[in-house]
């Protein structure tokens, strides 16, 4: 259903089918593959934390720098809102998406997991010594993702023109 809210052109019953399939796969992993529910749940929270930190940084920089503190997000004469909701208008702002993806990858490389299966894809930017020490347990990737996303989005939008939202 989130795909429908994002504007992905998919029929409702296919969106529900994909959601259901993801839930079944997650349940299967928790019941038959994972050895610890707590470790898997903590890994899930850390991964979501990294992506949400990056998203929050992009949102805050966009609001403070490009939207005059949020005053131009919609109110009187909200041209950006109208442009986003118009059919055929670009639904993506590429600097924001690039910042989110890059910061998420960097952040995921700096967190660890006690789940041995998930740990294989996390912490790839750390040495084994860092991964097993206090630095690895701190999950510093959440904070790093916040800083990297904000700085990268600020830099990428500094080189685009003021009204240049979306793809052109």
N, C-alpha and C. Protein backbone atom coordinates (compact mmCIF):
# COMPACT_ATOMS: atom_id res chain seq x y z
N UNK A 1 0.82 -1.18 0.00
CA UNK A 1 0.00 0.00 0.00
C UNK A 1 0.87 1.26 0.00
N UNK A 2 2.06 1.15 0.54
CA UNK A 2 2.97 2.30 0.52
C UNK A 2 3.35 2.66 -0.91
N UNK A 3 3.43 1.65 -1.77
CA UNK A 3 3.75 1.92 -3.17
C UNK A 3 2.66 2.77 -3.81
N UNK A 4 1.42 2.50 -3.47
CA UNK A 4 0.32 3.30 -4.00
C UNK A 4 0.39 4.73 -3.50
N UNK A 5 0.74 4.90 -2.22
CA UNK A 5 0.85 6.24 -1.66
C UNK A 5 1.99 7.02 -2.30
N UNK A 6 3.03 6.33 -2.73
CA UNK A 6 4.16 6.99 -3.39
C UNK A 6 3.89 7.28 -4.86
N UNK A 7 2.79 6.77 -5.39
CA UNK A 7 2.46 7.04 -6.77
C UNK A 7 2.99 6.02 -7.75
N UNK A 8 3.44 4.86 -7.25
CA UNK A 8 3.91 3.80 -8.14
C UNK A 8 2.71 3.28 -8.92
N UNK A 9 2.82 3.23 -10.24
CA UNK A 9 1.67 2.79 -11.04
C UNK A 9 1.49 1.28 -10.98
N UNK A 10 0.83 0.81 -9.92
CA UNK A 10 0.58 -0.61 -9.72
C UNK A 10 -0.85 -0.76 -9.23
N UNK A 11 -1.50 -1.84 -9.64
CA UNK A 11 -2.87 -2.07 -9.21
C UNK A 11 -2.89 -2.47 -7.74
N UNK A 12 -3.95 -2.14 -7.08
CA UNK A 12 -4.05 -2.33 -5.63
C UNK A 12 -3.84 -3.79 -5.23
N UNK A 13 -4.43 -4.72 -5.95
CA UNK A 13 -4.30 -6.12 -5.54
C UNK A 13 -2.86 -6.62 -5.71
N UNK A 14 -2.11 -6.08 -6.65
CA UNK A 14 -0.70 -6.45 -6.77
C UNK A 14 0.13 -5.85 -5.63
N UNK A 15 -0.21 -4.64 -5.23
CA UNK A 15 0.48 -4.02 -4.09
C UNK A 15 0.23 -4.82 -2.82
N UNK A 16 -1.00 -5.27 -2.61
CA UNK A 16 -1.32 -6.08 -1.43
C UNK A 16 -0.60 -7.42 -1.52
N UNK A 17 -0.51 -7.99 -2.70
CA UNK A 17 0.20 -9.26 -2.89
C UNK A 17 1.69 -9.11 -2.56
N UNK A 18 2.30 -8.03 -2.99
CA UNK A 18 3.72 -7.80 -2.68
C UNK A 18 3.91 -7.58 -1.18
N UNK A 19 3.02 -6.80 -0.56
CA UNK A 19 3.10 -6.60 0.89
C UNK A 19 2.96 -7.93 1.64
N UNK A 20 2.01 -8.74 1.24
CA UNK A 20 1.81 -10.04 1.88
C UNK A 20 3.01 -10.95 1.70
N UNK A 21 3.60 -10.93 0.52
CA UNK A 21 4.77 -11.76 0.26
C UNK A 21 5.94 -11.34 1.14
N UNK A 22 6.14 -10.03 1.30
CA UNK A 22 7.20 -9.55 2.19
C UNK A 22 6.95 -9.98 3.63
N UNK A 23 5.71 -9.93 4.08
CA UNK A 23 5.38 -10.35 5.44
C UNK A 23 5.63 -11.85 5.63
N UNK A 24 5.28 -12.66 4.65
CA UNK A 24 5.51 -14.10 4.73
C UNK A 24 7.01 -14.40 4.76
N UNK A 25 7.78 -13.72 3.91
CA UNK A 25 9.23 -13.93 3.91
C UNK A 25 9.87 -13.51 5.23
N UNK A 26 9.42 -12.39 5.79
CA UNK A 26 9.93 -11.95 7.09
C UNK A 26 9.59 -12.94 8.19
N UNK A 27 8.36 -13.44 8.20
CA UNK A 27 7.96 -14.44 9.18
C UNK A 27 8.74 -15.73 9.04
N UNK A 28 8.95 -16.16 7.81
CA UNK A 28 9.74 -17.37 7.55
C UNK A 28 11.16 -17.20 8.09
N UNK A 29 11.76 -16.05 7.82
CA UNK A 29 13.12 -15.80 8.31
C UNK A 29 13.16 -15.85 9.83
N UNK A 30 12.21 -15.19 10.50
CA UNK A 30 12.20 -15.17 11.96
C UNK A 30 11.97 -16.56 12.56
N UNK A 31 11.11 -17.37 11.94
CA UNK A 31 10.78 -18.68 12.50
C UNK A 31 11.80 -19.77 12.17
N UNK A 32 12.32 -19.77 10.96
CA UNK A 32 13.10 -20.92 10.51
C UNK A 32 14.58 -20.64 10.25
N UNK A 33 14.98 -19.38 10.10
CA UNK A 33 16.37 -19.07 9.77
C UNK A 33 17.07 -18.40 10.94
N UNK A 34 16.48 -17.39 11.51
CA UNK A 34 17.10 -16.62 12.58
C UNK A 34 17.19 -17.45 13.86
N UNK A 35 18.31 -17.30 14.56
CA UNK A 35 18.48 -18.02 15.82
C UNK A 35 18.04 -17.17 17.01
N UNK A 36 17.85 -15.88 16.81
CA UNK A 36 17.47 -14.99 17.90
C UNK A 36 16.54 -13.90 17.40
N UNK A 37 15.34 -13.88 17.96
CA UNK A 37 14.41 -12.83 17.58
C UNK A 37 14.94 -11.46 17.96
N UNK A 38 15.53 -11.35 19.15
CA UNK A 38 16.01 -10.06 19.63
C UNK A 38 17.12 -9.51 18.73
N UNK A 39 18.05 -10.35 18.32
CA UNK A 39 19.14 -9.89 17.45
C UNK A 39 18.60 -9.42 16.11
N UNK A 40 17.64 -10.15 15.56
CA UNK A 40 17.04 -9.76 14.29
C UNK A 40 16.26 -8.47 14.43
N UNK A 41 15.52 -8.33 15.51
CA UNK A 41 14.75 -7.11 15.74
C UNK A 41 15.68 -5.90 15.93
N UNK A 42 16.76 -6.07 16.66
CA UNK A 42 17.72 -4.98 16.85
C UNK A 42 18.37 -4.59 15.52
N UNK A 43 18.67 -5.57 14.68
CA UNK A 43 19.23 -5.27 13.36
C UNK A 43 18.23 -4.50 12.52
N UNK A 44 16.97 -4.90 12.57
CA UNK A 44 15.92 -4.19 11.84
C UNK A 44 15.84 -2.74 12.30
N UNK A 45 15.86 -2.51 13.61
CA UNK A 45 15.78 -1.16 14.14
C UNK A 45 17.00 -0.32 13.74
N UNK A 46 18.19 -0.93 13.75
CA UNK A 46 19.40 -0.20 13.36
C UNK A 46 19.35 0.19 11.89
N UNK A 47 18.91 -0.72 11.04
CA UNK A 47 18.81 -0.44 9.61
C UNK A 47 17.80 0.67 9.35
N UNK A 48 16.64 0.57 9.98
CA UNK A 48 15.62 1.61 9.83
C UNK A 48 16.15 2.94 10.37
N UNK A 49 16.89 2.89 11.48
CA UNK A 49 17.46 4.10 12.06
C UNK A 49 18.40 4.82 11.11
N UNK A 50 19.22 4.06 10.39
CA UNK A 50 20.15 4.66 9.43
C UNK A 50 19.40 5.36 8.31
N UNK A 51 18.43 4.67 7.73
CA UNK A 51 17.68 5.25 6.61
C UNK A 51 16.84 6.44 7.06
N UNK A 52 16.23 6.34 8.23
CA UNK A 52 15.43 7.45 8.74
C UNK A 52 16.29 8.67 9.09
N UNK A 53 17.50 8.44 9.59
CA UNK A 53 18.40 9.56 9.88
C UNK A 53 18.78 10.28 8.59
N UNK A 54 19.08 9.52 7.56
CA UNK A 54 19.42 10.14 6.27
C UNK A 54 18.22 10.90 5.71
N UNK A 55 17.05 10.31 5.80
CA UNK A 55 15.84 10.97 5.30
C UNK A 55 15.57 12.26 6.08
N UNK A 56 15.72 12.20 7.40
CA UNK A 56 15.47 13.38 8.23
C UNK A 56 16.43 14.51 7.88
N UNK A 57 17.69 14.18 7.62
CA UNK A 57 18.66 15.21 7.26
C UNK A 57 18.29 15.88 5.94
N UNK A 58 17.90 15.09 4.95
CA UNK A 58 17.49 15.65 3.67
C UNK A 58 16.26 16.54 3.86
N UNK A 59 15.31 16.09 4.63
CA UNK A 59 14.10 16.87 4.87
C UNK A 59 14.42 18.19 5.56
N UNK A 60 15.25 18.13 6.60
CA UNK A 60 15.56 19.35 7.35
C UNK A 60 16.35 20.35 6.51
N UNK A 61 17.33 19.88 5.74
CA UNK A 61 18.09 20.80 4.89
C UNK A 61 17.17 21.39 3.82
N UNK A 62 16.30 20.58 3.26
CA UNK A 62 15.35 21.06 2.26
C UNK A 62 14.44 22.12 2.86
N UNK A 63 13.94 21.85 4.06
CA UNK A 63 13.03 22.80 4.69
C UNK A 63 13.73 24.10 5.06
N UNK A 64 14.89 24.02 5.65
CA UNK A 64 15.57 25.24 6.13
C UNK A 64 16.24 26.02 5.01
N UNK A 65 16.84 25.34 4.07
CA UNK A 65 17.61 26.04 3.04
C UNK A 65 16.78 26.39 1.83
N UNK A 66 16.02 25.43 1.35
CA UNK A 66 15.31 25.65 0.09
C UNK A 66 13.87 26.12 0.26
N UNK A 67 13.30 25.94 1.43
CA UNK A 67 11.88 26.25 1.61
C UNK A 67 11.65 27.35 2.63
N UNK A 68 12.64 28.18 2.89
CA UNK A 68 12.52 29.29 3.84
C UNK A 68 11.92 28.85 5.16
N UNK A 69 12.50 27.80 5.75
CA UNK A 69 12.01 27.33 7.04
C UNK A 69 10.66 26.67 6.98
N UNK A 70 10.24 26.18 5.83
CA UNK A 70 8.97 25.50 5.68
C UNK A 70 7.83 26.40 5.24
N UNK A 71 8.06 27.71 5.12
CA UNK A 71 6.98 28.63 4.77
C UNK A 71 6.52 28.47 3.33
N UNK A 72 7.36 27.95 2.46
CA UNK A 72 6.94 27.85 1.05
C UNK A 72 6.54 26.42 0.68
N UNK A 73 6.23 25.60 1.65
CA UNK A 73 5.81 24.23 1.34
C UNK A 73 4.38 24.13 0.86
N UNK A 74 3.61 25.07 0.96
CA UNK A 74 2.25 24.91 0.50
C UNK A 74 1.41 26.12 0.68
N UNK A 75 1.26 26.71 1.74
CA UNK A 75 0.44 27.88 2.04
C UNK A 75 -0.06 28.63 0.82
N UNK A 76 -0.17 29.91 0.92
CA UNK A 76 -0.64 30.70 -0.22
C UNK A 76 0.36 30.63 -1.38
N UNK A 77 -0.13 30.27 -2.53
CA UNK A 77 0.73 30.22 -3.71
C UNK A 77 1.75 29.11 -3.64
N UNK A 78 1.40 27.96 -3.08
CA UNK A 78 2.34 26.84 -2.94
C UNK A 78 2.62 26.18 -4.28
N UNK A 79 3.48 26.80 -5.07
CA UNK A 79 3.76 26.32 -6.42
C UNK A 79 4.41 24.95 -6.40
N UNK A 80 5.30 24.69 -5.45
CA UNK A 80 5.96 23.39 -5.42
C UNK A 80 4.97 22.26 -5.15
N UNK A 81 4.05 22.49 -4.23
CA UNK A 81 3.06 21.46 -3.94
C UNK A 81 2.20 21.19 -5.16
N UNK A 82 1.79 22.26 -5.83
CA UNK A 82 0.96 22.09 -7.02
C UNK A 82 1.73 21.38 -8.12
N UNK A 83 3.02 21.68 -8.26
CA UNK A 83 3.82 21.04 -9.29
C UNK A 83 3.99 19.56 -8.99
N UNK A 84 4.17 19.18 -7.71
CA UNK A 84 4.34 17.78 -7.36
C UNK A 84 3.06 16.99 -7.55
N UNK A 85 1.92 17.60 -7.36
CA UNK A 85 0.66 16.89 -7.45
C UNK A 85 0.08 16.88 -8.86
N UNK A 86 0.64 17.64 -9.77
CA UNK A 86 0.14 17.72 -11.14
C UNK A 86 0.53 16.45 -11.90
N UNK A 87 -0.39 15.86 -12.65
CA UNK A 87 -0.04 14.68 -13.46
C UNK A 87 1.08 15.00 -14.44
N UNK A 88 2.04 14.13 -14.52
CA UNK A 88 3.17 14.32 -15.43
C UNK A 88 4.31 15.10 -14.81
N UNK A 89 4.14 15.62 -13.61
CA UNK A 89 5.21 16.37 -12.95
C UNK A 89 6.21 15.40 -12.34
N UNK A 90 7.45 15.79 -12.22
CA UNK A 90 8.45 14.88 -11.65
C UNK A 90 8.17 14.60 -10.18
N UNK A 91 8.22 13.34 -9.81
CA UNK A 91 7.94 12.96 -8.43
C UNK A 91 9.22 12.83 -7.62
N UNK A 92 10.36 12.98 -8.27
CA UNK A 92 11.64 12.82 -7.58
C UNK A 92 12.45 14.10 -7.65
N UNK A 93 13.18 14.34 -6.60
CA UNK A 93 14.17 15.40 -6.59
C UNK A 93 15.51 14.68 -6.50
N UNK A 94 16.21 14.58 -7.60
CA UNK A 94 17.40 13.72 -7.69
C UNK A 94 18.47 14.02 -6.65
N UNK A 95 18.77 15.26 -6.32
CA UNK A 95 19.76 15.48 -5.26
C UNK A 95 19.34 14.86 -3.92
N UNK A 96 18.06 14.90 -3.60
CA UNK A 96 17.58 14.30 -2.37
C UNK A 96 17.70 12.79 -2.39
N UNK A 97 17.34 12.18 -3.52
CA UNK A 97 17.43 10.72 -3.64
C UNK A 97 18.87 10.25 -3.59
N UNK A 98 19.76 10.94 -4.29
CA UNK A 98 21.18 10.57 -4.28
C UNK A 98 21.75 10.71 -2.87
N UNK A 99 21.41 11.78 -2.19
CA UNK A 99 21.88 11.98 -0.81
C UNK A 99 21.38 10.88 0.11
N UNK A 100 20.12 10.51 -0.03
CA UNK A 100 19.54 9.46 0.80
C UNK A 100 20.23 8.13 0.57
N UNK A 101 20.43 7.76 -0.68
CA UNK A 101 21.05 6.47 -1.00
C UNK A 101 22.51 6.42 -0.56
N UNK A 102 23.29 7.45 -0.87
CA UNK A 102 24.71 7.46 -0.51
C UNK A 102 24.87 7.43 1.01
N UNK A 103 24.13 8.26 1.72
CA UNK A 103 24.25 8.30 3.18
C UNK A 103 23.79 6.99 3.81
N UNK A 104 22.77 6.36 3.24
CA UNK A 104 22.30 5.09 3.77
C UNK A 104 23.35 4.00 3.60
N UNK A 105 24.00 3.98 2.45
CA UNK A 105 25.05 2.98 2.22
C UNK A 105 26.21 3.19 3.18
N UNK A 106 26.64 4.45 3.34
CA UNK A 106 27.73 4.75 4.27
C UNK A 106 27.32 4.36 5.70
N UNK A 107 26.10 4.72 6.10
CA UNK A 107 25.62 4.40 7.44
C UNK A 107 25.52 2.91 7.69
N UNK A 108 25.04 2.15 6.70
CA UNK A 108 24.95 0.70 6.86
C UNK A 108 26.32 0.06 6.96
N UNK A 109 27.31 0.70 6.38
CA UNK A 109 28.67 0.19 6.49
C UNK A 109 29.29 0.43 7.85
N UNK A 110 28.61 1.22 8.69
CA UNK A 110 29.16 1.56 10.01
C UNK A 110 28.29 1.08 11.17
N UNK A 111 27.36 0.15 10.91
CA UNK A 111 26.59 -0.46 12.00
C UNK A 111 26.85 -1.96 11.99
N UNK A 112 26.55 -2.60 13.11
CA UNK A 112 26.75 -4.05 13.23
C UNK A 112 25.45 -4.70 13.67
N UNK A 113 25.44 -6.03 13.64
CA UNK A 113 24.28 -6.79 14.05
C UNK A 113 24.74 -8.07 14.73
N UNK A 114 23.98 -8.48 15.74
CA UNK A 114 24.25 -9.75 16.41
C UNK A 114 23.66 -10.92 15.63
N UNK A 115 22.78 -10.65 14.68
CA UNK A 115 22.24 -11.70 13.81
C UNK A 115 23.30 -12.05 12.78
N UNK A 116 23.75 -13.30 12.80
CA UNK A 116 24.88 -13.68 11.94
C UNK A 116 24.57 -13.56 10.45
N UNK A 117 23.33 -13.71 10.05
CA UNK A 117 22.99 -13.58 8.63
C UNK A 117 22.96 -12.12 8.19
N UNK A 118 22.40 -11.27 9.00
CA UNK A 118 22.32 -9.85 8.66
C UNK A 118 23.68 -9.20 8.81
N UNK A 119 24.49 -9.68 9.75
CA UNK A 119 25.82 -9.10 9.98
C UNK A 119 26.73 -9.22 8.76
N UNK A 120 26.43 -10.15 7.87
CA UNK A 120 27.24 -10.34 6.66
C UNK A 120 27.14 -9.14 5.71
N UNK A 121 26.03 -8.41 5.76
CA UNK A 121 25.85 -7.29 4.84
C UNK A 121 26.00 -5.93 5.52
N UNK A 122 26.24 -5.91 6.82
CA UNK A 122 26.42 -4.67 7.56
C UNK A 122 27.87 -4.54 8.00
N UNK A 123 28.29 -3.35 8.30
CA UNK A 123 29.63 -3.12 8.84
C UNK A 123 30.75 -3.31 7.85
N UNK A 124 30.47 -3.18 6.57
CA UNK A 124 31.49 -3.43 5.54
C UNK A 124 32.54 -2.33 5.46
N UNK A 125 32.33 -1.21 6.11
CA UNK A 125 33.34 -0.14 6.13
C UNK A 125 34.25 -0.21 7.35
N UNK A 126 34.04 -1.21 8.20
CA UNK A 126 34.84 -1.35 9.41
C UNK A 126 35.73 -2.57 9.32
N UNK A 127 36.90 -2.49 9.97
CA UNK A 127 37.76 -3.67 10.07
C UNK A 127 37.16 -4.62 11.10
N UNK A 128 37.66 -5.84 11.15
CA UNK A 128 37.16 -6.81 12.12
C UNK A 128 37.39 -6.33 13.55
N UNK A 129 38.51 -5.66 13.77
CA UNK A 129 38.80 -5.14 15.11
C UNK A 129 37.79 -4.08 15.53
N UNK A 130 37.47 -3.18 14.63
CA UNK A 130 36.46 -2.15 14.94
C UNK A 130 35.08 -2.75 15.10
N UNK A 131 34.75 -3.71 14.26
CA UNK A 131 33.43 -4.32 14.28
C UNK A 131 33.14 -5.01 15.60
N UNK A 132 34.14 -5.67 16.19
CA UNK A 132 33.93 -6.41 17.43
C UNK A 132 34.14 -5.56 18.68
N UNK A 133 34.65 -4.37 18.54
CA UNK A 133 34.92 -3.51 19.70
C UNK A 133 33.77 -2.59 20.03
N UNK A 134 34.08 -1.62 20.86
CA UNK A 134 33.08 -0.65 21.31
C UNK A 134 32.55 0.19 20.15
N UNK A 135 33.41 0.51 19.20
CA UNK A 135 33.00 1.31 18.04
C UNK A 135 31.90 0.59 17.26
N UNK A 136 32.05 -0.71 17.08
CA UNK A 136 31.04 -1.47 16.35
C UNK A 136 29.73 -1.56 17.10
N UNK A 137 29.80 -1.68 18.42
CA UNK A 137 28.58 -1.80 19.23
C UNK A 137 27.84 -0.47 19.31
N UNK A 138 28.52 0.64 19.07
CA UNK A 138 27.89 1.95 19.19
C UNK A 138 26.96 2.27 18.03
N UNK A 139 27.05 1.55 16.94
CA UNK A 139 26.23 1.82 15.75
C UNK A 139 26.28 3.28 15.35
N UNK A 140 27.49 3.77 15.19
CA UNK A 140 27.75 5.17 14.85
C UNK A 140 27.23 5.52 13.45
N UNK A 141 26.88 4.51 12.66
CA UNK A 141 26.39 4.74 11.31
C UNK A 141 25.14 5.58 11.25
N UNK A 142 24.33 5.57 12.31
CA UNK A 142 23.11 6.38 12.33
C UNK A 142 23.47 7.86 12.31
N UNK A 143 24.40 8.25 13.15
CA UNK A 143 24.82 9.65 13.23
C UNK A 143 25.57 10.05 11.96
N UNK A 144 26.42 9.15 11.47
CA UNK A 144 27.18 9.45 10.25
C UNK A 144 26.23 9.63 9.06
N UNK A 145 25.21 8.79 8.97
CA UNK A 145 24.23 8.91 7.88
C UNK A 145 23.52 10.26 7.95
N UNK A 146 23.19 10.71 9.15
CA UNK A 146 22.55 12.01 9.32
C UNK A 146 23.43 13.13 8.80
N UNK A 147 24.69 13.12 9.18
CA UNK A 147 25.63 14.19 8.79
C UNK A 147 25.93 14.12 7.29
N UNK A 148 26.19 12.92 6.78
CA UNK A 148 26.54 12.77 5.36
C UNK A 148 25.37 13.18 4.47
N UNK A 149 24.17 12.75 4.81
CA UNK A 149 23.01 13.11 3.98
C UNK A 149 22.77 14.60 3.97
N UNK A 150 22.84 15.22 5.14
CA UNK A 150 22.62 16.67 5.22
C UNK A 150 23.67 17.45 4.44
N UNK A 151 24.94 17.09 4.63
CA UNK A 151 26.03 17.80 3.94
C UNK A 151 25.97 17.57 2.43
N UNK A 152 25.73 16.33 2.02
CA UNK A 152 25.68 16.02 0.59
C UNK A 152 24.50 16.71 -0.08
N UNK A 153 23.35 16.71 0.57
CA UNK A 153 22.19 17.37 -0.01
C UNK A 153 22.41 18.88 -0.10
N UNK A 154 23.01 19.44 0.92
CA UNK A 154 23.32 20.87 0.90
C UNK A 154 24.24 21.19 -0.28
N UNK A 155 25.29 20.37 -0.47
CA UNK A 155 26.23 20.62 -1.57
C UNK A 155 25.59 20.41 -2.94
N UNK A 156 24.80 19.35 -3.07
CA UNK A 156 24.18 19.08 -4.37
C UNK A 156 23.16 20.15 -4.75
N UNK A 157 22.43 20.66 -3.77
CA UNK A 157 21.44 21.69 -4.09
C UNK A 157 22.08 23.07 -4.24
N UNK A 158 23.29 23.23 -3.76
CA UNK A 158 23.98 24.52 -3.93
C UNK A 158 24.33 24.76 -5.40
N UNK A 159 24.43 23.68 -6.18
CA UNK A 159 24.82 23.81 -7.59
C UNK A 159 23.65 23.73 -8.54
N UNK A 160 22.45 23.66 -8.02
CA UNK A 160 21.27 23.69 -8.88
C UNK A 160 20.57 25.02 -8.69
N UNK A 161 19.82 25.41 -9.69
CA UNK A 161 19.15 26.70 -9.54
C UNK A 161 18.02 26.60 -8.54
N UNK A 162 17.63 27.71 -8.03
CA UNK A 162 16.67 27.81 -6.93
C UNK A 162 15.35 27.10 -7.23
N UNK A 163 14.81 27.28 -8.39
CA UNK A 163 13.52 26.67 -8.72
C UNK A 163 13.66 25.32 -9.38
N UNK A 164 14.84 24.79 -9.48
CA UNK A 164 15.08 23.56 -10.23
C UNK A 164 14.76 22.31 -9.47
N UNK A 165 13.49 22.10 -9.10
CA UNK A 165 13.07 20.90 -8.39
C UNK A 165 12.75 19.82 -9.42
N UNK A 166 13.06 18.56 -9.07
CA UNK A 166 12.69 17.44 -9.93
C UNK A 166 13.67 17.26 -11.07
N UNK A 167 13.24 16.43 -12.02
CA UNK A 167 14.07 16.14 -13.17
C UNK A 167 13.81 17.13 -14.27
N UNK A 168 14.82 17.52 -14.96
CA UNK A 168 14.66 18.45 -16.08
C UNK A 168 15.49 17.95 -17.24
